[in-house]
Amino acid sequence: MAFLLILPFIAIIFLLSAGPLFFAKWWSKIGKIVPVSLATLVAVVYLYQGKSEELAETVSEYVSFISIIGSLYVVAGGICIHPYRNGTPTVNVVFLMIGAVIANIIGTTGASVLLLKPFIRLNRYKVKPYHIIFFIFIVSNAGGLLTPLGDPPLFMGYLKGIPFFWFTQKLFLPWLFVLGVLGIVFFLMDKKNDKGIESEIIHDPKIQKTIIIGKRNFIGLGVILLSLFLDPRKMEWLPTIHFGHHQLSFVREMIQVVTAYICYKTSNKGALEMNEFSMEPIEEVAFAFCGIFVTMMPALEAMRHLASSPQVAAAITPSFTFWGTGMMSAILDNAPSFINALTVTMAKHGLNIGVYGDVQQFVAMQEAANLPHYLVAISFASVIFGAFTYVGNGPNFLVKAMAEKENIKMPSFVQYIYQYVIPILLPVIVICWLIFIL
């Protein structure tokens, strides 16, 4: 029975990875139904087995996850940036670095939606596929390495109990290194592309500046970000629902959803139209992660049991964790890859990822031993390897689709890997492994 319960999780991960690529028309019809149906099946079994507490905690985490992701997406969609200048190599690098910083504030999905079209407009006279690929590398993935807001796997870690600013403290140097190397490589490629291109120059001084439409939505972003610090586990005065051993509170989630709704209703219509804003991408994320969160419960239980055995525990080293997490993030989705890797690593140390205190103990234990490599390895690999394929991280496929809508011929799934990932991204990852993990 335990093995059979893992099958829905395997099915969802396979279908989410292969569906949009290999049977897109069929998947577009049932892509929302399948994850919810499989999640319902697992939920019914858990209720029948008397595991309502575990189910309630998972549902609570899902609500928190989709609330922050969705609200940031909606609010960012009402902000349109229109740069009236040409994208020189220097300007482009600065733009991408700013995008990497913004990704830590509004998430890689929000930053991708907000900044892709301005980036294309900057390079309207010379845009090539590599512009979009490096945007995916830097803004849609590597940029969001510093905060739980940056990338879904880190936010899931925060929900489990990892301190908010732990990622900033421990991942700043790897983040800086990756962005520095990718920025240099992009600059050299862009400079080579510039040769022989005589860009048109806009001479009217009245429009030689960047225009931002929908500035008032920045207030909404601020409210949403501040709401994240309303943690019922640390603030006893917050209204909570006691369910068994768990304390559930949805105050911050209600603040986020209400703020997003108000921003959407009051957003500048021109900004929404220029961004071609649609709820469809976030709906797909919501349905997909509903299935992932619930069906992942039996898989996590099985992995905890497996990793607690001495033979398996001995094989779990920082390097094994790094490459294992990375490979899972590359071919699956990086959020469940992060949770699965953290589950196994904590079980090796006799700790349970489902217990908030155990997660904090795991962080403190590594700090005391001056060996924080496990959590660094898991966090870094889950985020960076997310750029390995179009399906490694949610924004990747979204950016590809948006670029193709602008008539930019993007490389195929396989071309993306052998033309850009293997020669550019993989060497950077190997160097980071040698410097920061070993």
Protein backbone atom coordinates (compact mmCIF):
# COMPACT_ATOMS: atom_id res chain seq x y z
CA MET A 1 0.00 0.00 0.00
CA ALA A 2 2.84 2.38 0.88
CA PHE A 3 4.47 1.87 -2.52
CA LEU A 4 1.17 2.35 -4.36
CA LEU A 5 0.69 5.72 -2.65
CA ILE A 6 3.99 6.93 -4.10
CA LEU A 7 2.82 6.29 -7.68
CA PRO A 8 0.60 9.44 -7.88
CA PHE A 9 3.62 11.62 -7.02
CA ILE A 10 5.76 9.90 -9.67
CA ALA A 11 2.94 10.27 -12.21
CA ILE A 12 2.51 13.99 -11.52
CA ILE A 13 6.22 14.76 -11.79
CA PHE A 14 6.47 12.82 -15.07
CA LEU A 15 3.38 14.43 -16.58
CA LEU A 16 4.36 17.97 -15.53
CA SER A 17 7.78 17.48 -17.11
CA ALA A 18 6.76 15.67 -20.30
CA GLY A 19 3.20 16.87 -20.88
CA PRO A 20 3.82 20.45 -22.09
CA LEU A 21 6.70 19.30 -24.31
CA PHE A 22 5.59 16.06 -25.93
CA PHE A 23 1.78 16.06 -25.92
CA ALA A 24 0.89 19.72 -25.44
CA LYS A 25 -2.62 19.66 -26.96
CA TRP A 26 -3.72 16.70 -24.85
CA TRP A 27 -2.09 18.12 -21.73
CA SER A 28 -3.74 21.53 -22.21
CA LYS A 29 -7.11 19.82 -21.79
CA ILE A 30 -6.37 17.76 -18.68
CA GLY A 31 -3.32 19.50 -17.22
CA LYS A 32 -5.36 21.01 -14.39
CA ILE A 33 -7.59 18.02 -13.75
CA VAL A 34 -4.91 15.35 -13.30
CA PRO A 35 -2.92 16.94 -10.41
CA VAL A 36 -6.08 17.75 -8.43
CA SER A 37 -7.56 14.28 -9.04
CA LEU A 38 -4.40 12.51 -7.85
CA ALA A 39 -4.14 14.85 -4.86
CA THR A 40 -7.75 14.07 -3.93
CA LEU A 41 -7.04 10.35 -4.13
CA VAL A 42 -4.08 10.59 -1.73
CA ALA A 43 -6.00 12.93 0.59
CA VAL A 44 -8.90 10.47 0.87
CA VAL A 45 -6.49 7.63 1.73
CA TYR A 46 -4.79 9.77 4.39
CA LEU A 47 -8.13 10.65 5.96
CA TYR A 48 -9.10 6.99 5.92
CA GLN A 49 -5.81 6.12 7.67
CA GLY A 50 -6.47 8.75 10.35
CA LYS A 51 -3.65 11.05 9.22
CA SER A 52 -5.73 14.21 9.17
CA GLU A 53 -3.07 16.24 11.05
CA GLU A 54 -0.42 15.56 8.42
CA LEU A 55 -2.90 16.43 5.68
CA ALA A 56 -3.96 19.66 7.41
CA GLU A 57 -0.34 20.80 7.78
CA THR A 58 0.37 20.07 4.11
CA VAL A 59 -2.72 21.97 2.98
CA SER A 60 -1.67 24.88 5.20
CA GLU A 61 1.80 24.94 3.61
CA TYR A 62 0.28 24.81 0.14
CA VAL A 63 -2.00 27.76 0.91
CA SER A 64 0.99 29.76 2.19
CA PHE A 65 3.06 28.82 -0.86
CA ILE A 66 0.53 29.62 -3.56
CA SER A 67 -0.61 32.77 -1.74
CA ILE A 68 2.81 34.43 -1.86
CA ILE A 69 3.64 33.19 -5.37
CA GLY A 70 0.27 34.21 -6.77
CA SER A 71 0.03 37.60 -5.05
CA LEU A 72 3.51 38.65 -6.20
CA TYR A 73 2.69 37.53 -9.75
CA VAL A 74 -0.56 39.52 -9.84
CA VAL A 75 0.91 42.70 -8.37
CA ALA A 76 4.01 42.59 -10.60
CA GLY A 77 1.76 42.08 -13.63
CA GLY A 78 0.35 45.57 -13.10
CA ILE A 79 3.76 47.22 -13.41
CA CYS A 80 5.10 47.91 -16.91
CA ILE A 81 8.66 49.11 -17.54
CA HIS A 82 9.41 50.66 -20.93
CA PRO A 83 13.09 51.57 -21.48
CA TYR A 84 13.64 54.06 -24.32
CA ARG A 85 17.25 53.29 -25.08
CA ASN A 86 19.40 50.71 -26.83
CA GLY A 87 20.76 47.63 -25.11
CA THR A 88 24.52 47.91 -25.26
CA PRO A 89 26.47 45.03 -23.67
CA THR A 90 27.07 47.13 -20.55
CA VAL A 91 23.45 48.23 -20.28
CA ASN A 92 22.28 44.64 -20.73
CA VAL A 93 24.57 43.28 -18.01
CA VAL A 94 23.46 45.99 -15.59
CA PHE A 95 19.82 45.23 -16.43
CA LEU A 96 20.28 41.50 -15.78
CA MET A 97 22.07 42.15 -12.47
CA ILE A 98 19.29 44.48 -11.35
CA GLY A 99 16.84 41.75 -12.36
CA ALA A 100 18.75 39.26 -10.19
CA VAL A 101 18.35 41.55 -7.18
CA ILE A 102 14.66 42.15 -7.90
CA ALA A 103 14.12 38.38 -8.16
CA ASN A 104 14.92 38.10 -4.45
CA ILE A 105 12.16 40.59 -3.65
CA ILE A 106 9.29 39.60 -5.92
CA GLY A 107 10.38 36.06 -6.85
CA THR A 108 11.84 34.69 -10.05
CA THR A 109 8.36 34.32 -11.55
CA GLY A 110 7.38 37.91 -10.73
CA ALA A 111 10.72 39.27 -11.95
CA SER A 112 10.47 37.28 -15.19
CA VAL A 113 6.99 38.62 -15.90
CA LEU A 114 8.00 42.17 -14.98
CA LEU A 115 11.35 42.38 -16.79
CA LEU A 116 11.35 40.10 -19.85
CA LYS A 117 9.54 42.45 -22.19
CA PRO A 118 11.60 45.49 -21.13
CA PHE A 119 14.72 43.41 -21.78
CA ILE A 120 13.45 42.51 -25.25
CA ARG A 121 12.61 46.18 -25.90
CA LEU A 122 16.16 47.16 -24.90
CA ASN A 123 17.50 44.81 -27.56
CA ARG A 124 14.78 45.33 -30.15
CA TYR A 125 17.32 45.87 -32.95
CA LYS A 126 19.55 42.88 -32.20
CA VAL A 127 17.71 40.41 -29.94
CA LYS A 128 18.94 36.81 -30.28
CA PRO A 129 18.04 33.56 -28.48
CA TYR A 130 21.08 33.89 -26.19
CA HIS A 131 19.58 37.07 -24.71
CA ILE A 132 16.60 35.05 -23.52
CA ILE A 133 18.74 32.11 -22.37
CA PHE A 134 20.87 34.31 -20.14
CA PHE A 135 17.71 35.98 -18.86
CA ILE A 136 16.53 32.50 -17.83
CA PHE A 137 19.91 31.70 -16.24
CA ILE A 138 20.20 34.95 -14.27
CA VAL A 139 16.76 36.45 -13.61
CA SER A 140 14.52 33.35 -13.72
CA ASN A 141 16.85 31.13 -11.66
CA ALA A 142 20.24 32.10 -10.19
CA GLY A 143 19.10 35.57 -9.17
CA GLY A 144 16.60 34.25 -6.63
CA LEU A 145 19.18 32.48 -4.48
CA LEU A 146 19.28 34.91 -1.56
CA THR A 147 15.83 34.89 0.04
CA PRO A 148 12.83 32.57 0.45
CA LEU A 149 10.95 34.97 -1.82
CA GLY A 150 13.44 34.37 -4.60
CA ASP A 151 12.65 30.80 -5.61
CA PRO A 152 9.92 28.31 -4.62
CA PRO A 153 12.28 25.69 -3.06
CA LEU A 154 13.73 28.26 -0.67
CA PHE A 155 10.27 29.44 0.34
CA MET A 156 9.27 25.85 1.07
CA GLY A 157 12.37 25.61 3.27
CA TYR A 158 11.30 28.79 5.06
CA LEU A 159 7.84 27.34 5.66
CA LYS A 160 9.47 24.27 7.20
CA GLY A 161 11.50 26.37 9.65
CA ILE A 162 14.74 27.59 8.01
CA PRO A 163 15.34 31.22 9.14
CA PHE A 164 14.46 33.84 6.54
CA PHE A 165 17.90 35.44 6.30
CA TRP A 166 19.89 32.19 6.55
CA PHE A 167 19.92 31.96 2.74
CA THR A 168 21.27 35.50 2.42
CA GLN A 169 24.09 34.85 4.88
CA LYS A 170 25.19 31.48 3.51
CA LEU A 171 24.55 31.82 -0.22
CA PHE A 172 25.71 35.37 -0.90
CA LEU A 173 29.21 34.41 -2.10
CA PRO A 174 28.00 31.58 -4.40
CA TRP A 175 25.31 33.96 -5.72
CA LEU A 176 27.89 36.67 -6.39
CA PHE A 177 30.26 34.22 -8.10
CA VAL A 178 27.62 32.72 -10.39
CA LEU A 179 26.25 36.11 -11.42
CA GLY A 180 29.75 37.48 -11.97
CA VAL A 181 30.82 34.65 -14.27
CA LEU A 182 27.54 34.56 -16.21
CA GLY A 183 27.63 38.35 -16.53
CA ILE A 184 31.14 38.28 -18.01
CA VAL A 185 30.28 35.49 -20.47
CA PHE A 186 27.12 37.31 -21.55
CA PHE A 187 29.04 40.59 -21.99
CA LEU A 188 31.58 38.94 -24.31
CA MET A 189 28.85 37.26 -26.37
CA ASP A 190 26.84 40.46 -26.59
CA LYS A 191 29.87 42.52 -27.58
CA LYS A 192 30.59 40.05 -30.39
CA ASN A 193 26.96 40.26 -31.51
CA ASP A 194 27.20 44.07 -31.53
CA LYS A 195 29.91 44.05 -34.20
CA GLY A 196 28.49 45.02 -37.56
CA ILE A 197 25.16 46.10 -36.07
CA GLU A 198 24.35 49.77 -36.50
CA SER A 199 21.56 50.29 -34.00
CA GLU A 200 19.05 53.02 -34.62
CA ILE A 201 19.32 55.87 -32.15
CA ILE A 202 16.35 57.67 -30.71
CA HIS A 203 17.16 61.38 -30.96
CA ASP A 204 14.19 62.91 -29.20
CA PRO A 205 15.54 63.92 -25.75
CA LYS A 206 12.03 63.94 -24.30
CA ILE A 207 11.83 60.16 -24.46
CA GLN A 208 15.42 59.32 -23.55
CA LYS A 209 14.39 57.85 -20.23
CA THR A 210 12.76 54.76 -18.78
CA ILE A 211 9.01 54.98 -18.26
CA ILE A 212 7.34 52.96 -15.49
CA ILE A 213 3.57 52.54 -15.64
CA GLY A 214 1.66 51.29 -12.59
CA LYS A 215 4.02 52.60 -9.91
CA ARG A 216 1.37 52.42 -7.20
CA ASN A 217 1.60 48.63 -7.30
CA PHE A 218 4.98 48.96 -5.60
CA ILE A 219 3.01 49.80 -2.44
CA GLY A 220 1.24 46.46 -2.78
CA LEU A 221 4.57 44.68 -3.15
CA GLY A 222 5.75 46.30 0.08
CA VAL A 223 2.63 45.19 1.98
CA ILE A 224 3.00 41.61 0.72
CA LEU A 225 6.68 41.45 1.66
CA LEU A 226 6.07 42.79 5.16
CA SER A 227 3.26 40.28 5.71
CA LEU A 228 5.78 37.43 5.37
CA PHE A 229 7.17 38.18 8.80
CA LEU A 230 3.81 37.45 10.44
CA ASP A 231 4.78 33.99 11.67
CA PRO A 232 2.30 32.36 14.09
CA ARG A 233 5.07 30.11 15.44
CA LYS A 234 6.92 33.18 16.70
CA MET A 235 4.06 35.65 17.29
CA GLU A 236 1.69 34.17 19.84
CA TRP A 237 -0.70 37.11 19.56
CA LEU A 238 -1.70 36.13 16.01
CA PRO A 239 -5.10 34.38 15.72
CA THR A 240 -4.46 30.67 15.16
CA ILE A 241 -6.40 27.48 14.63
CA HIS A 242 -5.20 24.62 16.84
CA PHE A 243 -5.38 21.31 15.02
CA GLY A 244 -3.77 18.51 16.99
CA HIS A 245 -0.12 19.48 17.53
CA HIS A 246 -0.22 22.10 14.79
CA GLN A 247 -0.95 25.83 14.91
CA LEU A 248 -2.48 27.08 11.67
CA SER A 249 -2.89 30.77 10.92
CA PHE A 250 -3.83 32.37 7.63
CA VAL A 251 -3.54 36.04 8.60
CA ARG A 252 -0.59 36.77 6.32
CA GLU A 253 -2.17 34.82 3.49
CA MET A 254 -5.39 36.84 3.75
CA ILE A 255 -3.35 40.06 3.71
CA GLN A 256 -1.50 38.89 0.58
CA VAL A 257 -4.62 37.82 -1.30
CA VAL A 258 -6.59 40.97 -0.42
CA THR A 259 -3.63 43.17 -1.39
CA ALA A 260 -3.25 41.37 -4.73
CA TYR A 261 -6.99 41.69 -5.41
CA ILE A 262 -6.97 45.43 -4.71
CA CYS A 263 -3.87 45.95 -6.84
CA TYR A 264 -5.38 44.00 -9.71
CA LYS A 265 -8.66 45.92 -9.59
CA THR A 266 -6.89 49.30 -9.42
CA SER A 267 -4.01 48.47 -11.79
CA ASN A 268 -3.31 50.69 -14.76
CA LYS A 269 -5.13 49.02 -17.68
CA GLY A 270 -2.40 50.12 -20.07
CA ALA A 271 0.23 48.34 -17.97
CA LEU A 272 -1.81 45.13 -17.93
CA GLU A 273 -2.31 45.29 -21.69
CA MET A 274 1.35 46.02 -22.46
CA ASN A 275 2.35 43.09 -20.23
CA GLU A 276 -0.38 40.96 -21.86
CA PHE A 277 -1.23 39.95 -18.31
CA SER A 278 -3.15 36.72 -17.88
CA MET A 279 -4.11 34.58 -14.90
CA GLU A 280 -3.44 31.39 -16.86
CA PRO A 281 0.24 30.93 -15.87
CA ILE A 282 -0.44 31.25 -12.14
CA GLU A 283 -3.51 29.00 -12.47
CA GLU A 284 -1.28 26.29 -13.96
CA VAL A 285 1.16 26.70 -11.07
CA ALA A 286 -1.68 26.52 -8.53
CA PHE A 287 -3.13 23.29 -9.92
CA ALA A 288 0.28 21.67 -10.42
CA PHE A 289 1.51 22.39 -6.90
CA CYS A 290 -1.78 21.31 -5.38
CA GLY A 291 -0.99 17.88 -6.78
CA ILE A 292 2.69 18.04 -5.84
CA PHE A 293 2.17 19.07 -2.20
CA VAL A 294 -0.41 16.39 -1.39
CA THR A 295 0.98 13.46 -3.39
CA MET A 296 4.47 14.18 -2.06
CA MET A 297 3.45 13.21 1.50
CA PRO A 298 3.79 9.41 1.03
CA ALA A 299 7.04 9.90 -0.90
CA LEU A 300 8.51 11.94 1.96
CA GLU A 301 7.50 9.28 4.48
CA ALA A 302 9.18 6.59 2.39
CA MET A 303 12.35 8.64 1.98
CA ARG A 304 12.55 9.35 5.72
CA HIS A 305 12.32 5.64 6.40
CA LEU A 306 14.91 4.80 3.75
CA ALA A 307 17.42 7.44 4.85
CA SER A 308 17.24 6.34 8.49
CA SER A 309 18.97 3.04 7.65
CA PRO A 310 22.75 3.07 8.37
CA GLN A 311 23.72 1.85 4.89
CA VAL A 312 21.87 4.61 3.06
CA ALA A 313 22.82 7.28 5.61
CA ALA A 314 26.52 6.57 5.08
CA ALA A 315 26.19 7.32 1.36
CA ILE A 316 24.57 10.73 1.94
CA THR A 317 27.47 13.20 1.74
CA PRO A 318 27.37 16.91 0.85
CA SER A 319 28.57 16.12 -2.68
CA PHE A 320 26.02 13.33 -3.12
CA THR A 321 23.34 15.69 -1.85
CA PHE A 322 24.51 18.47 -4.17
CA TRP A 323 24.49 16.45 -7.38
CA GLY A 324 21.45 14.39 -6.41
CA THR A 325 19.37 17.47 -5.65
CA GLY A 326 20.66 19.13 -8.79
CA MET A 327 19.78 16.28 -11.11
CA MET A 328 16.29 16.02 -9.62
CA SER A 329 15.81 19.79 -10.02
CA ALA A 330 16.97 19.65 -13.63
CA ILE A 331 14.60 16.96 -14.83
CA LEU A 332 11.76 17.44 -12.35
CA ASP A 333 10.67 20.60 -10.56
CA ASN A 334 13.11 22.21 -8.14
CA ALA A 335 10.64 22.77 -5.28
CA PRO A 336 9.83 19.08 -4.58
CA SER A 337 13.49 18.25 -5.25
CA PHE A 338 14.51 20.58 -2.43
CA ILE A 339 12.02 19.07 0.02
CA ASN A 340 12.93 15.49 -0.87
CA ALA A 341 16.66 16.18 -0.47
CA LEU A 342 16.14 17.98 2.84
CA THR A 343 13.95 15.10 4.07
CA VAL A 344 16.62 12.52 3.30
CA THR A 345 19.47 14.58 4.78
CA MET A 346 17.61 15.31 8.00
CA ALA A 347 16.59 11.66 8.36
CA LYS A 348 20.28 10.74 8.14
CA HIS A 349 20.71 12.78 11.34
CA GLY A 350 17.61 11.30 13.00
CA LEU A 351 15.46 14.39 12.42
CA ASN A 352 11.99 14.80 10.91
CA ILE A 353 11.34 17.52 8.33
CA GLY A 354 7.72 17.62 9.46
CA VAL A 355 8.72 18.90 12.91
CA TYR A 356 9.47 22.64 13.03
CA GLY A 357 11.88 22.26 15.94
CA ASP A 358 13.81 19.51 14.14
CA VAL A 359 14.41 21.79 11.16
CA GLN A 360 15.76 24.54 13.42
CA GLN A 361 17.90 21.97 15.23
CA PHE A 362 19.28 20.77 11.88
CA VAL A 363 20.31 24.31 10.96
CA ALA A 364 21.84 24.94 14.39
CA MET A 365 23.61 21.57 14.40
CA GLN A 366 25.43 22.33 11.16
CA GLU A 367 26.36 25.79 12.38
CA ALA A 368 27.77 24.42 15.63
CA ALA A 369 29.85 21.87 13.75
CA ASN A 370 30.99 24.60 11.34
CA LEU A 371 29.82 22.33 8.49
CA PRO A 372 26.80 23.97 6.89
CA HIS A 373 27.50 22.23 3.58
CA TYR A 374 24.40 20.00 3.50
CA LEU A 375 21.90 22.84 3.53
CA VAL A 376 24.08 25.01 1.30
CA ALA A 377 24.36 22.11 -1.16
CA ILE A 378 20.60 21.48 -1.20
CA SER A 379 19.64 25.16 -1.49
CA PHE A 380 22.23 26.06 -4.12
CA ALA A 381 21.66 22.97 -6.26
CA SER A 382 17.86 23.17 -6.23
CA VAL A 383 17.94 26.78 -7.47
CA ILE A 384 20.85 26.74 -9.94
CA PHE A 385 20.09 23.37 -11.51
CA GLY A 386 16.55 24.64 -12.08
CA ALA A 387 17.99 26.42 -15.13
CA PHE A 388 19.25 23.15 -16.64
CA THR A 389 16.06 22.50 -18.62
CA TYR A 390 12.89 24.35 -19.59
CA VAL A 391 10.98 22.32 -16.98
CA GLY A 392 13.46 22.68 -14.09
CA ASN A 393 11.78 25.83 -12.80
CA GLY A 394 8.36 27.32 -13.48
CA PRO A 395 9.48 30.63 -15.04
CA ASN A 396 11.69 28.90 -17.64
CA PHE A 397 8.88 27.62 -19.81
CA LEU A 398 6.91 30.82 -19.23
CA VAL A 399 9.83 32.95 -20.48
CA LYS A 400 10.30 30.68 -23.51
CA ALA A 401 6.62 31.01 -24.42
CA MET A 402 6.67 34.81 -23.97
CA ALA A 403 9.80 35.12 -26.13
CA GLU A 404 8.33 32.99 -28.90
CA LYS A 405 5.26 35.20 -28.84
CA GLU A 406 7.63 38.06 -29.68
CA ASN A 407 8.85 36.04 -32.72
CA ILE A 408 12.16 35.07 -31.13
CA LYS A 409 13.13 31.59 -32.32
CA MET A 410 14.05 29.73 -29.15
CA PRO A 411 16.17 26.54 -29.11
CA SER A 412 14.44 23.21 -28.65
CA PHE A 413 14.55 21.28 -25.38
CA VAL A 414 17.70 19.38 -26.44
CA GLN A 415 19.37 22.36 -28.15
CA TYR A 416 18.92 24.42 -25.00
CA ILE A 417 20.93 21.85 -23.05
CA TYR A 418 23.82 21.15 -25.42
CA GLN A 419 24.21 24.68 -26.85
CA TYR A 420 23.95 26.69 -23.64
CA VAL A 421 23.69 24.62 -20.45
CA ILE A 422 26.59 22.20 -20.95
CA PRO A 423 29.18 24.68 -22.31
CA ILE A 424 28.20 27.68 -20.13
CA LEU A 425 26.21 26.79 -17.01
CA LEU A 426 27.67 23.39 -16.13
CA PRO A 427 31.32 24.61 -15.79
CA VAL A 428 30.13 27.37 -13.45
CA ILE A 429 28.31 24.82 -11.31
CA VAL A 430 31.32 22.50 -11.18
CA ILE A 431 33.57 25.36 -10.00
CA CYS A 432 31.01 26.29 -7.32
CA TRP A 433 30.92 22.67 -6.15
CA LEU A 434 34.72 22.63 -5.83
CA ILE A 435 34.85 25.97 -3.99
CA PHE A 436 31.76 26.00 -1.77
CA ILE A 437 30.73 22.36 -1.22
CA LEU A 438 33.82 20.13 -1.09
